[in-house]
Amino acid sequence: MRYVESLKPGESVSLDYMLTVDKDATAGGQLLGLDISFEDPQGKKFTGSADFSMRVRTLTGEEELRQYWYVAAIAAIILLVIIVRALKGKNPAASK
């Protein structure tokens, strides 16, 4: 739900939405509904609705991997710590 507090005559506002669906969503065309309620300064009310189609697609492999970037970052940090500790263990003079 989004609110636009006030509009002047002739003024327009763009609203952006990001929709996400669960992994069981069916790829292809889906129907999306929009309900609008409006009241002007004189108290005159308007309500309306519209349905329109929206494309749903599955994530690509790259997009799925990007969702888990933090796992790769943590793994890289752990690997770096292991390598640094191993190098220090082989060269005791480096730790002095």
N, C-alpha and C. Protein backbone atom coordinates (compact mmCIF):
# COMPACT_ATOMS: atom_id res chain seq x y z
N MET A 1 0.85 -1.17 0.00
CA MET A 1 0.00 0.00 0.00
C MET A 1 0.90 1.23 0.00
N ARG A 2 0.58 2.17 -0.84
CA ARG A 2 1.33 3.42 -0.90
C ARG A 2 0.36 4.58 -0.82
N TYR A 3 0.82 5.67 -0.19
CA TYR A 3 -0.01 6.87 -0.05
C TYR A 3 0.68 8.04 -0.74
N VAL A 4 -0.11 8.85 -1.41
CA VAL A 4 0.34 10.13 -1.94
C VAL A 4 -0.51 11.15 -1.21
N GLU A 5 0.13 11.95 -0.38
CA GLU A 5 -0.63 12.85 0.52
C GLU A 5 -1.45 13.88 -0.23
N SER A 6 -0.87 14.57 -1.20
CA SER A 6 -1.65 15.58 -1.92
C SER A 6 -1.04 15.81 -3.29
N LEU A 7 -1.91 16.14 -4.24
CA LEU A 7 -1.50 16.48 -5.60
C LEU A 7 -2.20 17.76 -6.00
N LYS A 8 -1.47 18.62 -6.67
CA LYS A 8 -2.07 19.84 -7.22
C LYS A 8 -2.70 19.49 -8.57
N PRO A 9 -3.63 20.30 -9.05
CA PRO A 9 -4.24 20.02 -10.36
C PRO A 9 -3.18 19.89 -11.45
N GLY A 10 -3.24 18.80 -12.21
CA GLY A 10 -2.29 18.55 -13.28
C GLY A 10 -1.00 17.89 -12.84
N GLU A 11 -0.78 17.77 -11.55
CA GLU A 11 0.45 17.17 -11.04
C GLU A 11 0.34 15.64 -11.09
N SER A 12 1.46 15.00 -11.31
CA SER A 12 1.48 13.54 -11.31
C SER A 12 2.62 13.03 -10.43
N VAL A 13 2.48 11.83 -9.99
CA VAL A 13 3.47 11.19 -9.13
C VAL A 13 3.70 9.78 -9.65
N SER A 14 4.95 9.36 -9.71
CA SER A 14 5.27 7.98 -10.10
C SER A 14 5.54 7.17 -8.85
N LEU A 15 4.98 6.00 -8.79
CA LEU A 15 5.23 5.08 -7.69
C LEU A 15 5.87 3.82 -8.26
N ASP A 16 6.96 3.41 -7.66
CA ASP A 16 7.65 2.20 -8.10
C ASP A 16 7.47 1.11 -7.06
N TYR A 17 7.27 -0.08 -7.54
CA TYR A 17 7.11 -1.24 -6.67
C TYR A 17 8.05 -2.35 -7.13
N MET A 18 8.60 -3.07 -6.19
CA MET A 18 9.35 -4.27 -6.53
C MET A 18 8.58 -5.44 -5.92
N LEU A 19 8.19 -6.35 -6.75
CA LEU A 19 7.43 -7.50 -6.30
C LEU A 19 8.32 -8.73 -6.33
N THR A 20 8.24 -9.51 -5.30
CA THR A 20 8.96 -10.78 -5.29
C THR A 20 7.95 -11.89 -5.06
N VAL A 21 8.26 -13.03 -5.62
CA VAL A 21 7.38 -14.19 -5.47
C VAL A 21 8.20 -15.34 -4.91
N ASP A 22 7.53 -16.33 -4.37
CA ASP A 22 8.26 -17.46 -3.81
C ASP A 22 8.76 -18.38 -4.92
N LYS A 23 9.54 -19.37 -4.55
CA LYS A 23 10.19 -20.25 -5.53
C LYS A 23 9.20 -21.11 -6.30
N ASP A 24 7.99 -21.23 -5.80
CA ASP A 24 6.99 -22.05 -6.47
C ASP A 24 6.15 -21.27 -7.48
N ALA A 25 6.46 -20.01 -7.70
CA ALA A 25 5.70 -19.20 -8.65
C ALA A 25 5.85 -19.76 -10.05
N THR A 26 4.80 -19.66 -10.81
CA THR A 26 4.82 -20.15 -12.18
C THR A 26 5.30 -19.04 -13.10
N ALA A 27 6.33 -19.34 -13.88
CA ALA A 27 6.83 -18.36 -14.85
C ALA A 27 5.78 -18.12 -15.92
N GLY A 28 5.75 -16.90 -16.46
CA GLY A 28 4.80 -16.56 -17.50
C GLY A 28 3.97 -15.36 -17.09
N GLY A 29 2.86 -15.19 -17.78
CA GLY A 29 1.98 -14.05 -17.50
C GLY A 29 1.13 -14.28 -16.26
N GLN A 30 1.08 -13.29 -15.40
CA GLN A 30 0.26 -13.33 -14.20
C GLN A 30 -0.62 -12.08 -14.19
N LEU A 31 -1.71 -12.15 -13.47
CA LEU A 31 -2.63 -11.01 -13.40
C LEU A 31 -2.37 -10.24 -12.11
N LEU A 32 -2.24 -8.93 -12.23
CA LEU A 32 -2.00 -8.07 -11.08
C LEU A 32 -3.14 -7.06 -10.99
N GLY A 33 -3.65 -6.87 -9.78
CA GLY A 33 -4.74 -5.93 -9.58
C GLY A 33 -4.27 -4.66 -8.89
N LEU A 34 -4.90 -3.55 -9.24
CA LEU A 34 -4.57 -2.25 -8.66
C LEU A 34 -5.87 -1.60 -8.20
N ASP A 35 -5.92 -1.21 -6.93
CA ASP A 35 -7.08 -0.51 -6.39
C ASP A 35 -6.66 0.92 -6.06
N ILE A 36 -7.48 1.88 -6.45
CA ILE A 36 -7.17 3.29 -6.23
C ILE A 36 -8.32 3.93 -5.45
N SER A 37 -7.98 4.66 -4.39
CA SER A 37 -8.96 5.44 -3.65
C SER A 37 -8.45 6.87 -3.61
N PHE A 38 -9.32 7.83 -3.93
CA PHE A 38 -8.91 9.23 -4.01
C PHE A 38 -9.99 10.10 -3.39
N GLU A 39 -9.55 11.15 -2.71
CA GLU A 39 -10.49 12.13 -2.17
C GLU A 39 -9.92 13.51 -2.44
N ASP A 40 -10.72 14.39 -3.07
CA ASP A 40 -10.23 15.74 -3.34
C ASP A 40 -10.45 16.63 -2.12
N PRO A 41 -9.89 17.86 -2.13
CA PRO A 41 -10.01 18.74 -0.96
C PRO A 41 -11.46 19.06 -0.56
N GLN A 42 -12.39 18.94 -1.50
CA GLN A 42 -13.80 19.22 -1.19
C GLN A 42 -14.50 17.97 -0.63
N GLY A 43 -13.78 16.86 -0.50
CA GLY A 43 -14.36 15.64 0.07
C GLY A 43 -14.97 14.70 -0.95
N LYS A 44 -14.87 15.05 -2.25
CA LYS A 44 -15.40 14.17 -3.29
C LYS A 44 -14.48 12.95 -3.42
N LYS A 45 -15.07 11.75 -3.35
CA LYS A 45 -14.27 10.53 -3.35
C LYS A 45 -14.38 9.81 -4.70
N PHE A 46 -13.30 9.15 -5.05
CA PHE A 46 -13.25 8.35 -6.26
C PHE A 46 -12.54 7.04 -5.91
N THR A 47 -13.10 5.95 -6.35
CA THR A 47 -12.42 4.66 -6.21
C THR A 47 -12.48 3.96 -7.55
N GLY A 48 -11.47 3.21 -7.83
CA GLY A 48 -11.41 2.46 -9.08
C GLY A 48 -10.43 1.32 -8.96
N SER A 49 -10.50 0.45 -9.91
CA SER A 49 -9.55 -0.67 -9.92
C SER A 49 -9.21 -1.00 -11.36
N ALA A 50 -8.08 -1.63 -11.52
CA ALA A 50 -7.63 -2.06 -12.84
C ALA A 50 -6.83 -3.34 -12.67
N ASP A 51 -6.95 -4.21 -13.63
CA ASP A 51 -6.15 -5.44 -13.67
C ASP A 51 -5.26 -5.36 -14.90
N PHE A 52 -4.04 -5.81 -14.75
CA PHE A 52 -3.15 -5.85 -15.89
C PHE A 52 -2.19 -7.02 -15.74
N SER A 53 -1.62 -7.43 -16.86
CA SER A 53 -0.75 -8.60 -16.81
C SER A 53 0.68 -8.20 -16.46
N MET A 54 1.36 -9.13 -15.87
CA MET A 54 2.75 -8.92 -15.47
C MET A 54 3.50 -10.20 -15.77
N ARG A 55 4.70 -10.05 -16.31
CA ARG A 55 5.53 -11.22 -16.60
C ARG A 55 6.26 -11.66 -15.35
N VAL A 56 6.26 -12.94 -15.08
CA VAL A 56 7.04 -13.53 -13.99
C VAL A 56 8.07 -14.42 -14.63
N ARG A 57 9.31 -14.28 -14.21
CA ARG A 57 10.37 -15.14 -14.74
C ARG A 57 11.16 -15.73 -13.60
N THR A 58 11.79 -16.84 -13.87
CA THR A 58 12.62 -17.46 -12.85
C THR A 58 13.98 -16.77 -12.85
N LEU A 59 14.67 -16.84 -11.72
CA LEU A 59 16.01 -16.24 -11.62
C LEU A 59 17.00 -17.02 -12.46
N THR A 60 17.93 -16.30 -13.04
CA THR A 60 19.03 -16.97 -13.73
C THR A 60 20.00 -17.49 -12.67
N GLY A 61 20.90 -18.38 -13.08
CA GLY A 61 21.90 -18.91 -12.15
C GLY A 61 22.73 -17.80 -11.52
N GLU A 62 23.10 -16.82 -12.32
CA GLU A 62 23.90 -15.68 -11.82
C GLU A 62 23.12 -14.89 -10.77
N GLU A 63 21.83 -14.65 -11.02
CA GLU A 63 21.01 -13.91 -10.06
C GLU A 63 20.86 -14.68 -8.75
N GLU A 64 20.73 -15.99 -8.84
CA GLU A 64 20.63 -16.80 -7.63
C GLU A 64 21.93 -16.74 -6.83
N LEU A 65 23.07 -16.80 -7.53
CA LEU A 65 24.36 -16.73 -6.84
C LEU A 65 24.56 -15.37 -6.18
N ARG A 66 24.11 -14.31 -6.83
CA ARG A 66 24.26 -12.96 -6.26
C ARG A 66 23.51 -12.81 -4.95
N GLN A 67 22.45 -13.59 -4.76
CA GLN A 67 21.69 -13.51 -3.52
C GLN A 67 22.52 -14.00 -2.34
N TYR A 68 23.56 -14.82 -2.61
CA TYR A 68 24.37 -15.41 -1.55
C TYR A 68 25.81 -14.89 -1.57
N TRP A 69 26.03 -13.65 -1.98
CA TRP A 69 27.37 -13.08 -2.08
C TRP A 69 28.07 -13.09 -0.73
N TYR A 70 27.33 -12.90 0.34
CA TYR A 70 27.92 -12.83 1.68
C TYR A 70 28.54 -14.17 2.08
N VAL A 71 28.01 -15.29 1.60
CA VAL A 71 28.60 -16.60 1.90
C VAL A 71 29.99 -16.69 1.27
N ALA A 72 30.11 -16.23 0.03
CA ALA A 72 31.41 -16.24 -0.65
C ALA A 72 32.39 -15.30 0.06
N ALA A 73 31.91 -14.15 0.53
CA ALA A 73 32.79 -13.21 1.23
C ALA A 73 33.30 -13.81 2.53
N ILE A 74 32.43 -14.45 3.29
CA ILE A 74 32.85 -15.08 4.56
C ILE A 74 33.83 -16.21 4.28
N ALA A 75 33.56 -17.02 3.26
CA ALA A 75 34.46 -18.12 2.91
C ALA A 75 35.83 -17.58 2.50
N ALA A 76 35.86 -16.48 1.75
CA ALA A 76 37.13 -15.89 1.34
C ALA A 76 37.92 -15.37 2.54
N ILE A 77 37.25 -14.76 3.50
CA ILE A 77 37.92 -14.26 4.70
C ILE A 77 38.49 -15.42 5.51
N ILE A 78 37.71 -16.49 5.67
CA ILE A 78 38.20 -17.66 6.42
C ILE A 78 39.40 -18.27 5.71
N LEU A 79 39.33 -18.40 4.40
CA LEU A 79 40.46 -18.95 3.63
C LEU A 79 41.69 -18.07 3.77
N LEU A 80 41.53 -16.77 3.74
CA LEU A 80 42.64 -15.84 3.90
C LEU A 80 43.28 -15.98 5.27
N VAL A 81 42.48 -16.12 6.32
CA VAL A 81 43.00 -16.30 7.68
C VAL A 81 43.78 -17.61 7.77
N ILE A 82 43.26 -18.67 7.18
CA ILE A 82 43.96 -19.96 7.19
C ILE A 82 45.30 -19.86 6.48
N ILE A 83 45.32 -19.20 5.34
CA ILE A 83 46.57 -19.05 4.57
C ILE A 83 47.59 -18.23 5.36
N VAL A 84 47.16 -17.12 5.95
CA VAL A 84 48.08 -16.27 6.72
C VAL A 84 48.63 -17.04 7.91
N ARG A 85 47.80 -17.77 8.61
CA ARG A 85 48.28 -18.56 9.76
C ARG A 85 49.23 -19.65 9.32
N ALA A 86 48.95 -20.29 8.18
CA ALA A 86 49.84 -21.34 7.68
C ALA A 86 51.20 -20.76 7.30
N LEU A 87 51.21 -19.59 6.68
CA LEU A 87 52.47 -18.95 6.29
C LEU A 87 53.27 -18.53 7.52
N LYS A 88 52.60 -18.04 8.55
CA LYS A 88 53.29 -17.66 9.78
C LYS A 88 53.88 -18.88 10.47
N GLY A 89 53.18 -20.01 10.41
CA GLY A 89 53.66 -21.25 11.04
C GLY A 89 54.88 -21.79 10.34
N LYS A 90 55.01 -21.60 9.03
CA LYS A 90 56.17 -22.09 8.26
C LYS A 90 57.37 -21.18 8.43
N ASN A 91 57.13 -19.91 8.74
CA ASN A 91 58.23 -18.96 8.84
C ASN A 91 58.15 -18.26 10.22
N PRO A 92 58.73 -18.91 11.26
CA PRO A 92 58.65 -18.33 12.61
C PRO A 92 59.27 -16.94 12.71
N ALA A 93 60.22 -16.63 11.88
CA ALA A 93 60.88 -15.32 11.94
C ALA A 93 59.90 -14.21 11.53
N ALA A 94 58.90 -14.54 10.72
CA ALA A 94 57.95 -13.54 10.26
C ALA A 94 57.04 -13.08 11.39
N SER A 95 56.87 -13.89 12.42
CA SER A 95 55.97 -13.53 13.51
C SER A 95 56.67 -12.72 14.58
N LYS A 96 58.00 -12.55 14.51
CA LYS A 96 58.73 -11.78 15.52
C LYS A 96 58.80 -10.32 15.21
